[in-house]
Amino acid sequence: METRRYINVRTWSETWFEDLSATEKLIWIYLNTNSATNMLGAYSTSIRRLAYECHVSEPAARRIIKKLEVIKKVIYNEGYVIIIDWMAQQSMNPSMRISARKEYDKLPDKIRLLLSEQTHKAIEKTRQLPEQDDARFPIAGDNSQGEKEEEEENFYEQEQEHRITEKERETGNPEEESSAIPTQRTYFYAVRNKEWLKTLCLNHHLKQPELEKWLEHFCRKLQNEGEARKSVRDFRRHFASWLDIQLTSSNHSKDYPHDNYHAYNETATASGQFTTNINPLLQSEAAERIEQLRTAGALSTLPDTE
């Protein structure tokens, strides 16, 4: 698991931090975030390692550490770095406090005495925590497992991010709603909105595969018309309007008599019946022509039959 360290953003606006040079700020951030740090804010490291990892000379590193000691931000003694009042500046859950207590118990007595009174009191409070909570976490010297406690602290934050991701998958990316983006991406974000797709299916009595085919037709239409960019909101509105027109036109064609004309005539002829599904205008013209032929004597009158 990854080990994480946090610095309050308010640090950047504090006067003592603003007065530091860029290199001094780098050293301060390094002291708070390097891989040797722990939940107590008191750990062993060397000036040589600090200088190497921050790309500064050892004399410069010593000078900066001394300055941070003068402004009462750190203590450096016999290879140990102590971030003053680290625990008071952190938002720590019970498991993290237990981890801090383990680090406290490991310190040499000489170094432990350099910790603030507030830190001593905070550690004593952790000794009142239930032992079963303590048993759930790795021993203080188990560096291979890292700071598992911090992962638990971030659990809620990760769950929130997961929920946001799931919500975005269902409703699309809100940041893309009104801005014009490439049509391919527009389609991608639009169809991720499951609620929108479900509503279209219900309103038009379509199944999901049918709706997907209509979406493909619509995208080809946009490409043929040269619409390279479109906002998600416009895409959805345009598609909904276009789909309504297409489905209305399709339903009209199904009800139009001409679609069944040939089938009707073939059935009627096969049964020996005369086709009556003739255009009224043509039928009127035919009757008029027959009457003209009879008047001219060119057409004999058919005898009445019983």
Protein backbone atom coordinates (compact mmCIF):
# COMPACT_ATOMS: atom_id res chain seq x y z
CA MET A 1 0.00 0.00 0.00
CA GLU A 2 1.10 3.56 -0.64
CA THR A 3 2.18 5.73 2.28
CA ARG A 4 0.78 9.24 2.18
CA ARG A 5 1.63 12.45 4.01
CA TYR A 6 -0.40 15.63 4.13
CA ILE A 7 0.45 19.31 4.55
CA ASN A 8 -2.23 21.87 5.34
CA VAL A 9 -2.73 24.24 2.40
CA ARG A 10 -2.87 27.08 4.91
CA THR A 11 0.90 26.64 5.29
CA TRP A 12 1.51 28.53 2.06
CA SER A 13 -0.16 31.67 3.43
CA GLU A 14 1.52 31.66 6.85
CA THR A 15 4.07 34.43 7.39
CA TRP A 16 6.93 32.21 8.55
CA PHE A 17 6.59 30.06 5.41
CA GLU A 18 6.33 33.03 3.05
CA ASP A 19 9.63 34.32 4.41
CA LEU A 20 11.47 31.13 3.42
CA SER A 21 13.44 30.85 0.20
CA ALA A 22 12.46 28.29 -2.43
CA THR A 23 15.14 25.86 -1.22
CA GLU A 24 14.11 26.31 2.40
CA LYS A 25 10.49 25.58 1.50
CA LEU A 26 11.65 22.46 -0.35
CA ILE A 27 13.52 21.23 2.72
CA TRP A 28 10.49 21.85 4.95
CA ILE A 29 8.20 19.92 2.63
CA TYR A 30 10.78 17.12 2.40
CA LEU A 31 10.99 16.85 6.20
CA ASN A 32 7.21 16.40 6.30
CA THR A 33 6.84 13.99 3.40
CA ASN A 34 9.95 11.84 2.95
CA SER A 35 9.77 8.04 3.22
CA ALA A 36 11.27 7.96 6.73
CA THR A 37 8.45 9.98 8.30
CA ASN A 38 5.92 8.41 10.64
CA MET A 39 2.77 9.19 12.61
CA LEU A 40 4.73 10.68 15.50
CA GLY A 41 6.63 13.21 13.41
CA ALA A 42 9.90 12.06 14.99
CA TYR A 43 12.18 9.85 12.92
CA SER A 44 15.80 9.05 12.13
CA THR A 45 17.48 10.41 8.99
CA SER A 46 20.81 11.89 7.98
CA ILE A 47 21.82 15.28 6.62
CA ARG A 48 23.61 13.46 3.79
CA ARG A 49 20.41 11.74 2.70
CA LEU A 50 18.42 14.98 2.96
CA ALA A 51 20.99 16.85 0.87
CA TYR A 52 21.11 14.08 -1.75
CA GLU A 53 17.35 13.79 -2.18
CA CYS A 54 16.79 17.57 -2.27
CA HIS A 55 19.82 18.22 -4.55
CA VAL A 56 21.50 20.68 -2.20
CA SER A 57 24.93 20.67 -0.58
CA GLU A 58 25.33 19.29 2.94
CA PRO A 59 26.42 22.69 4.33
CA ALA A 60 23.29 24.27 2.81
CA ALA A 61 21.12 21.52 4.26
CA ARG A 62 22.62 22.04 7.74
CA ARG A 63 22.13 25.80 7.49
CA ILE A 64 18.46 25.41 6.52
CA ILE A 65 17.82 22.87 9.29
CA LYS A 66 19.36 25.35 11.74
CA LYS A 67 17.07 28.11 10.49
CA LEU A 68 14.01 25.88 10.91
CA GLU A 69 15.16 25.16 14.47
CA VAL A 70 15.46 28.88 15.18
CA ILE A 71 11.86 29.55 14.08
CA LYS A 72 10.78 26.55 16.20
CA LYS A 73 9.52 24.31 13.43
CA VAL A 74 11.89 21.36 13.83
CA ILE A 75 14.46 19.90 16.18
CA TYR A 76 17.46 17.98 14.84
CA ASN A 77 19.43 15.99 17.38
CA GLU A 78 21.77 13.03 16.97
CA GLY A 79 20.35 12.05 13.60
CA TYR A 80 16.70 12.42 14.63
CA VAL A 81 14.28 14.92 13.09
CA ILE A 82 11.39 16.06 15.28
CA ILE A 83 8.59 18.04 13.65
CA ILE A 84 7.37 20.22 16.51
CA ASP A 85 3.75 19.56 17.48
CA TRP A 86 3.24 17.24 14.50
CA MET A 87 0.34 15.42 16.15
CA ALA A 88 -1.45 18.66 17.00
CA GLN A 89 -1.34 19.67 13.33
CA GLN A 90 -2.72 16.38 12.00
CA SER A 91 -6.26 15.03 11.81
CA MET A 92 -5.60 11.60 13.25
CA ASN A 93 -7.95 8.70 13.78
CA PRO A 94 -7.44 6.21 16.67
CA SER A 95 -5.40 3.78 14.58
CA MET A 96 -3.00 6.55 13.55
CA ARG A 97 -2.58 7.57 17.20
CA ILE A 98 -1.74 3.97 18.08
CA SER A 99 0.91 4.00 15.36
CA ALA A 100 2.31 7.25 16.81
CA ARG A 101 2.47 5.65 20.26
CA LYS A 102 4.48 2.72 18.90
CA GLU A 103 6.96 5.11 17.33
CA TYR A 104 7.11 7.01 20.62
CA ASP A 105 7.99 3.85 22.55
CA LYS A 106 10.81 3.07 20.12
CA LEU A 107 12.57 6.42 20.56
CA PRO A 108 15.68 6.69 22.73
CA ASP A 109 14.93 8.35 26.07
CA LYS A 110 17.14 11.32 25.17
CA ILE A 111 15.12 12.03 22.01
CA ARG A 112 11.78 11.36 23.67
CA LEU A 113 12.51 14.11 26.21
CA LEU A 114 12.77 16.63 23.37
CA LEU A 115 9.14 16.14 22.39
CA SER A 116 6.65 18.80 23.42
CA GLU A 117 4.48 18.44 26.49
CA GLN A 118 1.45 18.40 24.25
CA THR A 119 2.84 15.40 22.37
CA HIS A 120 3.50 13.52 25.62
CA LYS A 121 -0.09 14.08 26.72
CA ALA A 122 -1.46 12.96 23.34
CA ILE A 123 0.56 9.75 23.55
CA GLU A 124 -0.65 9.00 27.08
CA LYS A 125 -4.24 9.32 25.87
CA THR A 126 -3.62 6.66 23.24
CA ARG A 127 -2.75 4.16 26.00
CA GLN A 128 -6.40 4.27 27.03
CA LEU A 129 -7.56 2.99 23.64
CA PRO A 130 -8.93 -0.60 23.57
CA GLU A 131 -6.27 -3.24 22.99
CA GLN A 132 -8.35 -4.95 20.28
CA ASP A 133 -8.02 -1.82 18.15
CA ASP A 134 -4.28 -1.93 18.65
CA ALA A 135 -4.11 -5.57 17.56
CA ARG A 136 -5.60 -4.80 14.18
CA PHE A 137 -2.55 -2.86 13.01
CA PRO A 138 1.03 -3.90 12.17
CA ILE A 139 3.84 -3.49 14.66
CA ALA A 140 5.75 -0.22 14.54
CA GLY A 141 8.90 -1.72 13.04
CA ASP A 142 7.11 -3.43 10.15
CA ASN A 143 8.19 -1.10 7.35
CA SER A 144 7.24 -3.58 4.63
CA GLN A 145 3.55 -2.97 5.27
CA GLY A 146 3.87 0.82 5.37
CA GLU A 147 1.44 3.01 7.22
CA LYS A 148 -1.74 0.96 6.88
CA GLU A 149 -3.43 3.32 9.28
CA GLU A 150 -3.24 6.13 6.77
CA GLU A 151 -4.96 4.00 4.17
CA GLU A 152 -7.85 3.56 6.57
CA GLU A 153 -7.96 7.29 7.11
CA ASN A 154 -8.34 7.74 3.35
CA PHE A 155 -10.98 5.03 3.02
CA TYR A 156 -13.89 7.45 3.25
CA GLU A 157 -12.29 9.81 0.73
CA GLN A 158 -11.73 6.95 -1.72
CA GLU A 159 -15.31 5.77 -1.29
CA GLN A 160 -16.54 9.28 -2.08
CA GLU A 161 -14.40 9.37 -5.23
CA HIS A 162 -15.77 5.96 -6.21
CA ARG A 163 -19.34 7.20 -5.79
CA ILE A 164 -18.60 10.26 -7.90
CA THR A 165 -17.12 8.06 -10.62
CA GLU A 166 -20.17 5.78 -10.59
CA LYS A 167 -22.50 8.78 -10.70
CA GLU A 168 -20.57 10.24 -13.62
CA ARG A 169 -20.83 6.92 -15.42
CA GLU A 170 -24.62 7.08 -15.04
CA THR A 171 -25.23 10.74 -15.78
CA GLY A 172 -22.30 11.70 -18.00
CA ASN A 173 -19.63 14.30 -17.36
CA PRO A 174 -21.29 17.53 -16.14
CA GLU A 175 -18.25 19.59 -17.19
CA GLU A 176 -18.84 18.60 -20.81
CA GLU A 177 -22.57 19.38 -20.84
CA SER A 178 -22.52 22.85 -22.39
CA SER A 179 -19.10 23.09 -24.05
CA ALA A 180 -18.57 22.06 -27.66
CA ILE A 181 -16.31 19.02 -27.94
CA PRO A 182 -15.49 16.56 -30.75
CA THR A 183 -18.62 14.70 -31.83
CA GLN A 184 -17.11 11.31 -31.02
CA ARG A 185 -16.53 12.36 -27.41
CA THR A 186 -19.98 13.97 -27.30
CA TYR A 187 -21.55 10.64 -28.24
CA PHE A 188 -19.45 8.86 -25.61
CA TYR A 189 -20.57 11.16 -22.79
CA ALA A 190 -24.17 11.27 -23.96
CA VAL A 191 -24.67 7.50 -24.01
CA ARG A 192 -23.09 7.15 -20.56
CA ASN A 193 -26.18 8.81 -19.13
CA LYS A 194 -28.17 5.67 -18.35
CA GLU A 195 -31.16 7.66 -17.11
CA TRP A 196 -31.39 9.55 -20.40
CA LEU A 197 -31.26 6.33 -22.42
CA LYS A 198 -33.84 4.69 -20.19
CA THR A 199 -36.20 7.66 -20.58
CA LEU A 200 -35.89 7.56 -24.38
CA CYS A 201 -36.65 3.84 -24.43
CA LEU A 202 -39.74 4.32 -22.29
CA ASN A 203 -41.05 7.32 -24.18
CA HIS A 204 -40.66 5.73 -27.61
CA HIS A 205 -41.36 2.12 -26.65
CA LEU A 206 -37.92 1.01 -27.81
CA LYS A 207 -35.56 -1.64 -26.57
CA GLN A 208 -31.94 -0.82 -25.81
CA PRO A 209 -30.50 -2.44 -28.98
CA GLU A 210 -33.03 -0.55 -31.13
CA LEU A 211 -32.11 2.76 -29.51
CA GLU A 212 -28.41 2.06 -30.06
CA LYS A 213 -29.03 1.54 -33.78
CA TRP A 214 -30.85 4.86 -33.99
CA LEU A 215 -27.91 6.51 -32.22
CA GLU A 216 -25.53 5.04 -34.79
CA HIS A 217 -27.69 6.39 -37.64
CA PHE A 218 -27.76 9.81 -35.98
CA CYS A 219 -23.98 9.90 -35.58
CA ARG A 220 -23.50 9.02 -39.25
CA LYS A 221 -25.91 11.81 -40.11
CA LEU A 222 -23.82 14.30 -38.11
CA GLN A 223 -20.64 13.11 -39.81
CA ASN A 224 -22.20 13.43 -43.27
CA GLU A 225 -23.35 16.94 -42.42
CA GLY A 226 -19.85 17.88 -41.24
CA GLU A 227 -20.74 18.58 -37.58
CA ALA A 228 -17.34 17.92 -36.03
CA ARG A 229 -18.10 19.49 -32.64
CA LYS A 230 -21.20 19.52 -30.48
CA SER A 231 -22.01 19.92 -26.80
CA VAL A 232 -23.49 16.98 -24.91
CA ARG A 233 -26.63 18.95 -24.13
CA ASP A 234 -27.15 19.88 -27.79
CA PHE A 235 -26.43 16.31 -28.87
CA ARG A 236 -29.14 14.93 -26.58
CA ARG A 237 -31.70 17.55 -27.58
CA HIS A 238 -30.95 17.20 -31.29
CA PHE A 239 -31.08 13.40 -31.14
CA ALA A 240 -34.35 13.35 -29.17
CA SER A 241 -35.98 15.68 -31.71
CA TRP A 242 -34.58 13.76 -34.70
CA LEU A 243 -35.63 10.40 -33.23
CA ASP A 244 -39.17 11.63 -32.68
CA ILE A 245 -39.41 12.70 -36.35
CA GLN A 246 -37.93 9.41 -37.60
CA LEU A 247 -40.25 7.27 -35.53
CA THR A 248 -43.32 9.32 -36.46
CA SER A 249 -42.44 9.03 -40.15
CA SER A 250 -41.84 5.31 -39.78
CA ASN A 251 -45.21 4.74 -38.12
CA HIS A 252 -46.97 6.79 -40.84
CA SER A 253 -45.42 4.62 -43.56
CA LYS A 254 -46.67 1.48 -41.85
CA ASP A 255 -50.25 2.80 -41.90
CA TYR A 256 -50.18 4.10 -45.51
CA PRO A 257 -52.55 2.01 -47.77
CA HIS A 258 -50.03 1.88 -50.62
CA ASP A 259 -47.77 -0.44 -48.60
CA ASN A 260 -50.45 -3.17 -48.72
CA TYR A 261 -51.74 -2.40 -52.20
CA HIS A 262 -49.95 -5.14 -54.14
CA ALA A 263 -50.57 -7.81 -51.54
CA TYR A 264 -54.28 -6.91 -51.46
CA ASN A 265 -54.63 -7.02 -55.25
CA GLU A 266 -52.81 -10.32 -55.56
CA THR A 267 -55.10 -11.88 -52.94
CA ALA A 268 -58.24 -10.48 -54.54
CA THR A 269 -57.27 -11.62 -58.05
CA ALA A 270 -56.40 -15.09 -56.84
CA SER A 271 -59.85 -15.37 -55.25
CA GLY A 272 -61.56 -14.27 -58.49
CA GLN A 273 -62.71 -10.93 -57.10
CA PHE A 274 -62.30 -7.63 -58.91
CA THR A 275 -59.85 -5.23 -57.38
CA THR A 276 -61.67 -2.28 -55.86
CA ASN A 277 -58.72 -0.57 -54.23
CA ILE A 278 -58.39 1.95 -57.10
CA ASN A 279 -57.60 5.60 -56.88
CA PRO A 280 -60.99 7.46 -56.92
CA LEU A 281 -59.75 9.98 -59.51
CA LEU A 282 -58.73 7.23 -61.93
CA GLN A 283 -62.05 5.44 -61.36
CA SER A 284 -63.99 8.65 -62.21
CA GLU A 285 -61.97 9.25 -65.40
CA ALA A 286 -62.55 5.63 -66.51
CA ALA A 287 -66.33 5.92 -66.01
CA GLU A 288 -66.42 9.16 -68.00
CA ARG A 289 -64.48 7.62 -70.90
CA ILE A 290 -66.79 4.58 -71.00
CA GLU A 291 -69.81 6.86 -71.22
CA GLN A 292 -68.24 8.77 -74.14
CA LEU A 293 -67.62 5.54 -76.06
CA ARG A 294 -71.20 4.42 -75.53
CA THR A 295 -72.56 7.74 -76.80
CA ALA A 296 -70.42 7.49 -79.94
CA GLY A 297 -71.70 3.96 -80.55
CA ALA A 298 -68.25 2.53 -80.29
CA LEU A 299 -69.16 0.46 -77.29
CA SER A 300 -72.15 -1.82 -77.29
CA THR A 301 -74.47 -1.91 -74.34
CA LEU A 302 -74.19 -5.04 -72.31
CA PRO A 303 -77.45 -6.94 -71.89
CA ASP A 304 -78.97 -7.13 -68.47
CA THR A 305 -78.45 -10.51 -66.82
CA GLU A 306 -80.36 -12.11 -64.12
